């Protein structure tokens, strides 16, 4: 049975949120905006530091970077080889940002004296526990650890979609940080070198616009899904036909379209990986039920499939491959599943007021908590929320021994009383 627990709101921003990425084990980036119209709603990024105070999760704003008239609908982060890059889809182009990491004193962050690259100064918000320790920290600054802050610098930009109404719908950076894949309205998957963003080759295997992309953990394969209902698995070594072409296999025989795709490590087999997809029914009449499916990418075989009570909108796999998280379209609910069995272990109903636009797990070796897993979620309701999966309750060994001794004593006493 699913365990129900919602840790709730972590942070609220002043613009709709469309994409969520982890920067480090403790930092997350949210992005979105109101678009180019004169609504007064900003477009850009905000970075938060996630911590746990022993009772609950806490999010502290670190910085904000506004992108002018360009709303950020999709982005990807790479943090390898002591460098950090961020790519963001802005209309028909992909904008590259270099993220500089700075170590600053907590007192400096409290004064708001760190500056984003676009000149916007943001004061870092304090928690209650931080306020309580201000005097101690300031009086003993020599022993205070420095905190991490960020500067986002826009660098190169390349056009990645060339359709009649060009729009980059998805961008993904490989785990090694050497490749970048983009997809959009013109139905083509483009593979680029990274961070130079030079086009390597174009992959043509879809007849309709792209919805999602993902690199395998070893970066040798790339999966793409589109509104044509097809998932193509490509080799990243050369152009050509897909290695495998997969179509959704619903249990009821209805027509379904893939919505999101993610690779994940297989913790049972070293070096192996799995593939997960979510899909929604093509028909828009009646109560729509989504599908969460587990695939064997080597052969394209469907391993497991579970039906969800409503259409799905977001998908994430934890970095160690143990858990899968999904978000829903209508009720704004969030679920966590065990990866190998697709058993639901957490259900948070109405986590958001509107549909979930993104989910990401707190890294397995990230923030120390008393939870087995923690899932972050965002929505166009401007909220960043967290949902933690508590460990299964177990009886301590000493309690079990005492109970056994007590039962044996009661049994012996009863037998003596009855003369048995």
Protein backbone atom coordinates (compact mmCIF):
# COMPACT_ATOMS: atom_id res chain seq x y z
CA UNK A 1 0.00 0.00 0.00
CA UNK A 2 1.26 3.48 -0.82
CA UNK A 3 2.54 5.53 2.09
CA UNK A 4 1.03 9.01 2.11
CA UNK A 5 3.13 11.96 3.16
CA UNK A 6 3.57 15.45 1.75
CA UNK A 7 6.31 17.72 3.06
CA UNK A 8 4.74 20.49 1.03
CA UNK A 9 5.86 23.89 -0.16
CA UNK A 10 9.59 24.63 -0.28
CA UNK A 11 9.55 27.92 -2.19
CA UNK A 12 7.29 30.16 -4.22
CA UNK A 13 8.51 32.35 -7.09
CA UNK A 14 6.79 35.13 -9.04
CA UNK A 15 6.56 33.34 -12.41
CA UNK A 16 5.19 30.01 -13.76
CA UNK A 17 7.70 27.14 -13.57
CA UNK A 18 8.33 24.84 -16.54
CA UNK A 19 11.66 23.13 -15.92
CA UNK A 20 13.59 21.83 -12.92
CA UNK A 21 17.24 20.69 -12.75
CA UNK A 22 19.70 19.69 -10.02
CA UNK A 23 22.93 21.69 -10.07
CA UNK A 24 24.76 20.00 -7.20
CA UNK A 25 23.86 17.55 -4.45
CA UNK A 26 22.34 20.48 -2.54
CA UNK A 27 21.32 23.03 -5.19
CA UNK A 28 18.40 23.04 -7.62
CA UNK A 29 17.49 25.37 -10.46
CA UNK A 30 13.94 26.24 -11.50
CA UNK A 31 13.07 28.19 -14.64
CA UNK A 32 10.11 29.49 -16.57
CA UNK A 33 8.34 32.79 -17.05
CA UNK A 34 5.39 34.61 -18.52
CA UNK A 35 6.68 34.95 -22.09
CA UNK A 36 7.32 37.97 -24.28
CA UNK A 37 3.92 39.63 -23.76
CA UNK A 38 3.61 42.70 -21.56
CA UNK A 39 2.14 40.92 -18.54
CA UNK A 40 4.75 42.06 -16.04
CA UNK A 41 5.62 38.41 -15.29
CA UNK A 42 9.38 37.81 -15.31
CA UNK A 43 11.31 35.19 -17.30
CA UNK A 44 14.39 33.49 -15.95
CA UNK A 45 16.07 31.16 -13.46
CA UNK A 46 16.19 30.90 -9.69
CA UNK A 47 18.64 28.75 -7.73
CA UNK A 48 17.84 27.34 -4.28
CA UNK A 49 19.96 25.53 -1.74
CA UNK A 50 18.14 22.54 -0.23
CA UNK A 51 18.86 21.44 3.34
CA UNK A 52 17.20 19.49 6.13
CA UNK A 53 17.00 20.87 9.65
CA UNK A 54 16.27 17.51 11.28
CA UNK A 55 12.51 17.99 11.04
CA UNK A 56 11.77 19.21 7.53
CA UNK A 57 13.32 20.32 4.26
CA UNK A 58 14.29 23.97 3.82
CA UNK A 59 14.96 25.87 0.57
CA UNK A 60 17.02 29.06 0.64
CA UNK A 61 17.21 31.32 -2.39
CA UNK A 62 20.80 31.72 -3.60
CA UNK A 63 20.42 33.81 -6.76
CA UNK A 64 18.15 34.82 -9.62
CA UNK A 65 18.91 35.50 -13.28
CA UNK A 66 16.31 37.08 -15.57
CA UNK A 67 16.31 36.35 -19.32
CA UNK A 68 14.47 39.42 -20.62
CA UNK A 69 11.61 38.62 -23.03
CA UNK A 70 12.63 34.94 -23.43
CA UNK A 71 10.68 32.39 -21.42
CA UNK A 72 12.65 29.26 -20.45
CA UNK A 73 10.56 26.19 -21.31
CA UNK A 74 13.31 23.57 -21.21
CA UNK A 75 16.88 23.41 -19.98
CA UNK A 76 19.69 20.99 -19.17
CA UNK A 77 22.65 21.19 -16.80
CA UNK A 78 26.12 19.65 -16.99
CA UNK A 79 28.47 19.65 -14.02
CA UNK A 80 31.62 17.68 -14.92
CA UNK A 81 35.36 18.24 -15.03
CA UNK A 82 35.19 21.22 -12.63
CA UNK A 83 32.98 23.20 -14.98
CA UNK A 84 29.26 23.87 -15.04
CA UNK A 85 27.15 24.73 -18.08
CA UNK A 86 23.47 25.41 -18.55
CA UNK A 87 21.59 25.23 -21.85
CA UNK A 88 18.11 26.68 -22.27
CA UNK A 89 15.60 26.56 -25.07
CA UNK A 90 14.55 30.07 -26.08
CA UNK A 91 12.21 30.03 -29.07
CA UNK A 92 14.08 28.48 -32.05
CA UNK A 93 17.51 28.79 -30.40
CA UNK A 94 19.51 27.09 -27.71
CA UNK A 95 21.24 29.52 -25.36
CA UNK A 96 24.41 28.40 -23.60
CA UNK A 97 25.25 29.75 -20.16
CA UNK A 98 28.43 29.29 -18.19
CA UNK A 99 27.76 28.91 -14.48
CA UNK A 100 30.56 30.20 -12.29
CA UNK A 101 30.72 28.92 -8.73
CA UNK A 102 31.84 31.27 -5.97
CA UNK A 103 32.54 30.43 -2.34
CA UNK A 104 31.45 33.33 -0.13
CA UNK A 105 31.06 33.98 3.56
CA UNK A 106 27.56 33.57 5.04
CA UNK A 107 27.75 37.19 6.22
CA UNK A 108 28.37 38.34 2.65
CA UNK A 109 25.39 36.33 1.41
CA UNK A 110 23.20 37.79 4.16
CA UNK A 111 24.18 41.31 3.12
CA UNK A 112 23.13 40.50 -0.46
CA UNK A 113 26.52 41.66 -1.76
CA UNK A 114 26.85 38.93 -4.37
CA UNK A 115 25.69 39.99 -7.85
CA UNK A 116 24.25 38.07 -10.78
CA UNK A 117 25.96 38.60 -14.12
CA UNK A 118 23.04 40.58 -15.53
CA UNK A 119 23.35 43.12 -12.74
CA UNK A 120 20.40 41.97 -10.68
CA UNK A 121 21.19 41.90 -6.97
CA UNK A 122 19.25 39.43 -4.86
CA UNK A 123 19.40 39.14 -1.10
CA UNK A 124 19.69 35.59 0.15
CA UNK A 125 16.81 34.62 2.39
CA UNK A 126 17.57 33.38 5.87
CA UNK A 127 16.00 30.55 7.77
CA UNK A 128 15.02 30.78 11.44
CA UNK A 129 17.95 28.59 12.47
CA UNK A 130 20.32 30.80 10.49
CA UNK A 131 18.94 33.93 12.15
CA UNK A 132 19.46 32.35 15.57
CA UNK A 133 23.11 31.74 14.79
CA UNK A 134 23.98 35.14 13.26
CA UNK A 135 25.78 36.46 16.31
CA UNK A 136 27.73 33.25 16.81
CA UNK A 137 28.68 33.09 13.13
CA UNK A 138 29.77 36.73 12.92
CA UNK A 139 31.75 36.56 16.16
CA UNK A 140 33.59 33.44 15.08
CA UNK A 141 33.94 34.00 11.32
CA UNK A 142 37.32 32.28 11.15
CA UNK A 143 35.68 28.90 11.80
CA UNK A 144 32.63 29.47 9.61
CA UNK A 145 32.48 27.45 6.42
CA UNK A 146 32.03 29.35 3.19
CA UNK A 147 28.81 28.88 1.24
CA UNK A 148 28.35 28.29 -2.47
CA UNK A 149 26.96 30.99 -4.74
CA UNK A 150 26.59 31.14 -8.53
CA UNK A 151 26.99 33.55 -11.44
CA UNK A 152 25.22 32.79 -14.73
CA UNK A 153 26.91 34.20 -17.84
CA UNK A 154 25.23 33.92 -21.27
CA UNK A 155 27.72 32.88 -23.97
CA UNK A 156 26.91 31.25 -27.33
CA UNK A 157 23.54 30.70 -28.98
CA UNK A 158 22.69 28.43 -31.93
CA UNK A 159 19.50 27.83 -33.88
CA UNK A 160 18.34 24.28 -33.29
CA UNK A 161 14.96 24.16 -35.05
CA UNK A 162 14.19 25.16 -38.64
CA UNK A 163 10.49 24.43 -39.11
CA UNK A 164 7.80 26.78 -40.40
CA UNK A 165 7.07 27.77 -36.81
CA UNK A 166 10.46 26.97 -35.22
CA UNK A 167 10.57 26.08 -31.52
CA UNK A 168 13.09 24.05 -29.55
CA UNK A 169 11.01 21.76 -27.36
CA UNK A 170 13.75 19.76 -25.60
CA UNK A 171 17.49 19.87 -24.95
CA UNK A 172 19.67 17.31 -23.17
CA UNK A 173 23.40 17.29 -22.32
CA UNK A 174 25.15 13.91 -22.10
CA UNK A 175 26.50 12.64 -18.78
CA UNK A 176 30.11 13.07 -19.95
CA UNK A 177 29.42 16.66 -21.01
CA UNK A 178 30.74 16.04 -24.54
CA UNK A 179 27.43 15.83 -26.46
CA UNK A 180 24.18 17.77 -26.63
CA UNK A 181 20.92 16.66 -28.25
CA UNK A 182 18.04 18.94 -29.29
CA UNK A 183 14.60 18.39 -30.75
CA UNK A 184 11.70 20.57 -31.75
CA UNK A 185 8.86 21.29 -34.15
CA UNK A 186 10.71 20.25 -37.34
CA UNK A 187 10.71 16.55 -36.22
CA UNK A 188 14.51 16.18 -36.39
CA UNK A 189 16.92 15.14 -33.64
CA UNK A 190 20.18 17.05 -33.80
CA UNK A 191 23.36 15.90 -32.10
CA UNK A 192 25.94 18.57 -31.23
CA UNK A 193 29.42 18.68 -29.76
CA UNK A 194 29.48 20.28 -26.34
CA UNK A 195 30.20 22.90 -25.12
CA UNK A 196 31.25 24.21 -28.58
CA UNK A 197 27.74 23.44 -29.92
CA UNK A 198 28.92 22.41 -33.40
CA UNK A 199 26.41 20.25 -35.29
CA UNK A 200 27.63 16.66 -35.68
CA UNK A 201 24.69 15.09 -37.53
CA UNK A 202 20.91 15.08 -37.89
CA UNK A 203 18.76 12.04 -37.08
CA UNK A 204 15.51 11.67 -39.01
CA UNK A 205 13.06 9.11 -37.72
CA UNK A 206 9.97 11.00 -36.59
CA UNK A 207 7.05 12.39 -38.56
CA UNK A 208 5.82 14.82 -35.90
CA UNK A 209 7.33 17.21 -33.38
CA UNK A 210 9.63 15.96 -30.62
CA UNK A 211 8.54 15.75 -26.99
CA UNK A 212 11.54 14.36 -25.10
CA UNK A 213 15.14 13.11 -25.32
CA UNK A 214 17.53 11.31 -22.98
CA UNK A 215 21.05 9.88 -23.05
CA UNK A 216 21.80 6.44 -21.65
CA UNK A 217 24.11 6.40 -18.59
CA UNK A 218 27.06 5.35 -20.80
CA UNK A 219 26.18 8.02 -23.43
CA UNK A 220 26.31 5.40 -26.21
CA UNK A 221 22.57 5.59 -26.87
CA UNK A 222 19.99 8.35 -27.19
CA UNK A 223 16.22 7.89 -26.97
CA UNK A 224 13.78 10.30 -28.64
CA UNK A 225 9.99 10.38 -28.51
CA UNK A 226 7.56 12.40 -30.59
CA UNK A 227 3.88 13.03 -31.10
CA UNK A 228 3.89 10.31 -33.78
CA UNK A 229 3.75 7.75 -30.94
CA UNK A 230 7.23 6.37 -31.62
CA UNK A 231 10.27 6.03 -29.35
CA UNK A 232 13.52 5.73 -31.31
CA UNK A 233 16.75 4.51 -29.74
CA UNK A 234 19.79 5.84 -31.63
CA UNK A 235 23.52 5.25 -31.52
CA UNK A 236 25.40 8.41 -30.61
CA UNK A 237 28.48 7.22 -32.53
CA UNK A 238 27.12 7.71 -36.04
CA UNK A 239 24.12 8.86 -38.04
CA UNK A 240 21.74 6.38 -39.60
CA UNK A 241 18.59 4.43 -38.86
CA UNK A 242 17.46 3.91 -35.25
CA UNK A 243 18.88 0.88 -33.45
CA UNK A 244 15.35 0.11 -32.24
CA UNK A 245 11.90 1.57 -32.82
CA UNK A 246 9.37 1.15 -30.03
CA UNK A 247 5.65 1.85 -29.97
CA UNK A 248 3.54 2.06 -26.84
CA UNK A 249 1.92 -1.21 -25.79
CA UNK A 250 -1.16 -0.39 -23.70
CA UNK A 251 -2.92 -3.25 -21.88
CA UNK A 252 -6.39 -2.25 -23.12
CA UNK A 253 -5.54 -1.96 -26.81
CA UNK A 254 -6.30 1.78 -27.01
CA UNK A 255 -4.02 4.20 -28.84
CA UNK A 256 -1.44 5.82 -26.56
CA UNK A 257 1.28 8.39 -27.20
CA UNK A 258 4.56 8.59 -25.30
CA UNK A 259 4.95 11.77 -23.24
CA UNK A 260 8.34 11.46 -21.48
CA UNK A 261 11.32 9.07 -21.55
CA UNK A 262 14.21 8.47 -19.14
CA UNK A 263 17.08 6.03 -18.85
CA UNK A 264 18.07 4.77 -15.41
CA UNK A 265 20.82 2.64 -13.92
CA UNK A 266 20.04 -1.00 -13.19
CA UNK A 267 21.26 -1.50 -9.63
CA UNK A 268 20.99 -5.30 -10.02
CA UNK A 269 23.40 -5.44 -12.97
CA UNK A 270 26.59 -3.41 -12.92
CA UNK A 271 26.93 -1.29 -16.05
CA UNK A 272 23.41 -2.12 -17.30
CA UNK A 273 20.52 0.32 -17.61
CA UNK A 274 16.74 0.42 -17.95
CA UNK A 275 14.41 2.74 -19.82
CA UNK A 276 11.17 4.24 -18.50
CA UNK A 277 8.37 5.99 -20.37
CA UNK A 278 5.07 7.61 -19.51
CA UNK A 279 2.24 7.64 -22.04
CA UNK A 280 -1.26 9.10 -22.30
CA UNK A 281 -4.28 8.03 -24.37
CA UNK A 282 -4.74 9.69 -27.74
CA UNK A 283 -8.51 9.95 -27.27
CA UNK A 284 -9.54 12.94 -25.16
CA UNK A 285 -13.00 11.68 -24.21
CA UNK A 286 -13.82 9.93 -20.95
CA UNK A 287 -11.54 9.48 -17.97
CA UNK A 288 -7.98 9.29 -19.23
CA UNK A 289 -5.60 6.83 -17.59
CA UNK A 290 -1.86 7.16 -18.07
CA UNK A 291 0.78 4.45 -18.33
CA UNK A 292 4.15 4.10 -16.63
CA UNK A 293 6.24 1.50 -18.45
CA UNK A 294 9.61 -0.18 -17.94
CA UNK A 295 11.56 -1.33 -21.02
CA UNK A 296 14.63 -3.42 -21.75
CA UNK A 297 16.44 -1.06 -24.16
CA UNK A 298 18.85 -3.71 -25.50
CA UNK A 299 16.01 -5.58 -27.18
CA UNK A 300 13.15 -3.10 -26.95
CA UNK A 301 11.02 -5.51 -24.87
CA UNK A 302 8.36 -4.25 -22.48
CA UNK A 303 9.18 -5.53 -18.98
CA UNK A 304 6.41 -4.03 -16.81
CA UNK A 305 3.50 -1.65 -17.19
CA UNK A 306 1.24 0.01 -14.63
CA UNK A 307 -1.94 2.00 -15.19
CA UNK A 308 -2.26 5.37 -13.44
CA UNK A 309 -5.70 6.86 -12.76
CA UNK A 310 -5.04 10.01 -14.79
CA UNK A 311 -2.83 11.38 -17.54
CA UNK A 312 0.83 11.94 -16.72
CA UNK A 313 2.99 14.99 -17.39
CA UNK A 314 6.42 14.54 -15.77
CA UNK A 315 8.95 11.75 -15.21
CA UNK A 316 12.24 11.39 -13.29
CA UNK A 317 14.57 8.54 -12.29
CA UNK A 318 16.87 8.87 -9.28
CA UNK A 319 20.59 8.91 -10.03
CA UNK A 320 21.16 5.46 -8.49
CA UNK A 321 18.26 3.96 -10.46
CA UNK A 322 16.25 2.80 -7.41
CA UNK A 323 13.16 5.03 -7.70
CA UNK A 324 10.95 6.55 -10.39
CA UNK A 325 8.86 9.69 -9.86
CA UNK A 326 5.89 10.94 -11.89
CA UNK A 327 3.62 13.98 -11.90
CA UNK A 328 0.05 14.16 -13.17
CA UNK A 329 -1.86 16.45 -15.52
CA UNK A 330 -5.17 17.26 -13.85
CA UNK A 331 -4.99 16.82 -10.07
CA UNK A 332 -1.37 17.99 -9.69
CA UNK A 333 -0.51 14.79 -7.83
CA UNK A 334 2.92 13.19 -7.40
CA UNK A 335 3.88 9.50 -7.08
CA UNK A 336 7.07 7.56 -6.32
CA UNK A 337 7.57 3.99 -7.60
CA UNK A 338 10.20 1.32 -6.95
CA UNK A 339 12.11 1.12 -10.25
CA UNK A 340 12.48 -2.64 -10.73
CA UNK A 341 8.91 -3.60 -9.77
CA UNK A 342 6.96 -0.38 -10.51
CA UNK A 343 5.29 -0.74 -7.12
CA UNK A 344 3.91 2.58 -5.93
CA UNK A 345 5.30 3.49 -2.51
CA UNK A 346 4.23 7.13 -2.17
CA UNK A 347 1.17 9.01 -3.39
CA UNK A 348 0.70 12.73 -2.74
CA UNK A 349 -2.72 13.85 -3.93
CA UNK A 350 -3.14 17.48 -5.04
CA UNK A 351 0.51 18.31 -4.37
CA UNK A 352 0.01 21.30 -6.71
CA UNK A 353 -3.00 23.39 -7.67
CA UNK A 354 -2.35 22.77 -11.39
CA UNK A 355 -0.59 20.21 -13.58
CA UNK A 356 2.94 19.18 -12.67
CA UNK A 357 5.53 20.48 -15.15
CA UNK A 358 8.65 18.85 -13.72
CA UNK A 359 9.95 16.39 -11.12
CA UNK A 360 13.52 15.63 -9.99
CA UNK A 361 14.89 13.51 -7.17
CA UNK A 362 17.19 14.91 -4.54
CA UNK A 363 20.44 13.00 -5.32
CA UNK A 364 20.88 9.75 -3.39
CA UNK A 365 24.04 11.09 -1.73
CA UNK A 366 22.74 14.61 -1.40
CA UNK A 367 20.95 16.17 1.56
CA UNK A 368 21.07 13.98 4.66
CA UNK A 369 17.58 13.15 5.85
CA UNK A 370 15.67 10.41 7.62
CA UNK A 371 13.88 9.58 4.36
CA UNK A 372 14.57 6.83 1.87
CA UNK A 373 13.95 9.21 -1.06
CA UNK A 374 12.89 12.80 -1.67
CA UNK A 375 11.22 14.07 -4.84
CA UNK A 376 11.05 17.73 -5.89
CA UNK A 377 8.19 18.96 -8.07
CA UNK A 378 7.21 22.20 -9.83
CA UNK A 379 4.10 23.51 -11.53
CA UNK A 380 2.72 26.56 -13.28
CA UNK A 381 1.28 27.46 -9.86
CA UNK A 382 4.76 29.00 -9.21
CA UNK A 383 5.57 26.50 -6.43
CA UNK A 384 8.56 24.27 -5.70
CA UNK A 385 7.52 21.39 -3.42
CA UNK A 386 9.23 18.39 -1.83
CA UNK A 387 7.80 14.94 -1.09
CA UNK A 388 9.77 12.50 1.06
CA UNK A 389 9.44 8.73 1.31
CA UNK A 390 9.96 7.60 4.91
CA UNK A 391 11.70 4.33 5.64
CA UNK A 392 9.47 1.35 6.37
CA UNK A 393 8.90 1.05 10.10
CA UNK A 394 10.84 -1.88 11.58
CA UNK A 395 10.98 -3.33 15.08
CA UNK A 396 14.42 -2.96 16.73
CA UNK A 397 16.23 -6.25 17.40
CA UNK A 398 16.21 -5.78 21.18
CA UNK A 399 12.43 -5.26 21.15
CA UNK A 400 12.00 -8.46 19.15
CA UNK A 401 14.15 -10.40 21.68
CA UNK A 402 12.16 -9.02 24.63
CA UNK A 403 8.88 -9.97 22.93
CA UNK A 404 10.10 -13.50 22.27
CA UNK A 405 11.21 -13.92 25.89
CA UNK A 406 7.88 -12.51 27.12
CA UNK A 407 5.87 -14.89 24.90
CA UNK A 408 7.94 -17.88 26.08
CA UNK A 409 7.48 -16.83 29.72
CA UNK A 410 3.72 -16.46 29.29
CA UNK A 411 3.53 -19.83 27.53
CA UNK A 412 5.53 -21.55 30.30
CA UNK A 413 3.41 -19.92 33.03
CA UNK A 414 0.17 -20.94 31.33
CA UNK A 415 1.35 -24.53 30.88
CA UNK A 416 2.39 -24.73 34.56
CA UNK A 417 -0.99 -23.34 35.62
CA UNK A 418 -2.84 -25.91 33.52
CA UNK A 419 -0.53 -28.71 34.69
CA UNK A 420 0.55 -29.52 31.17
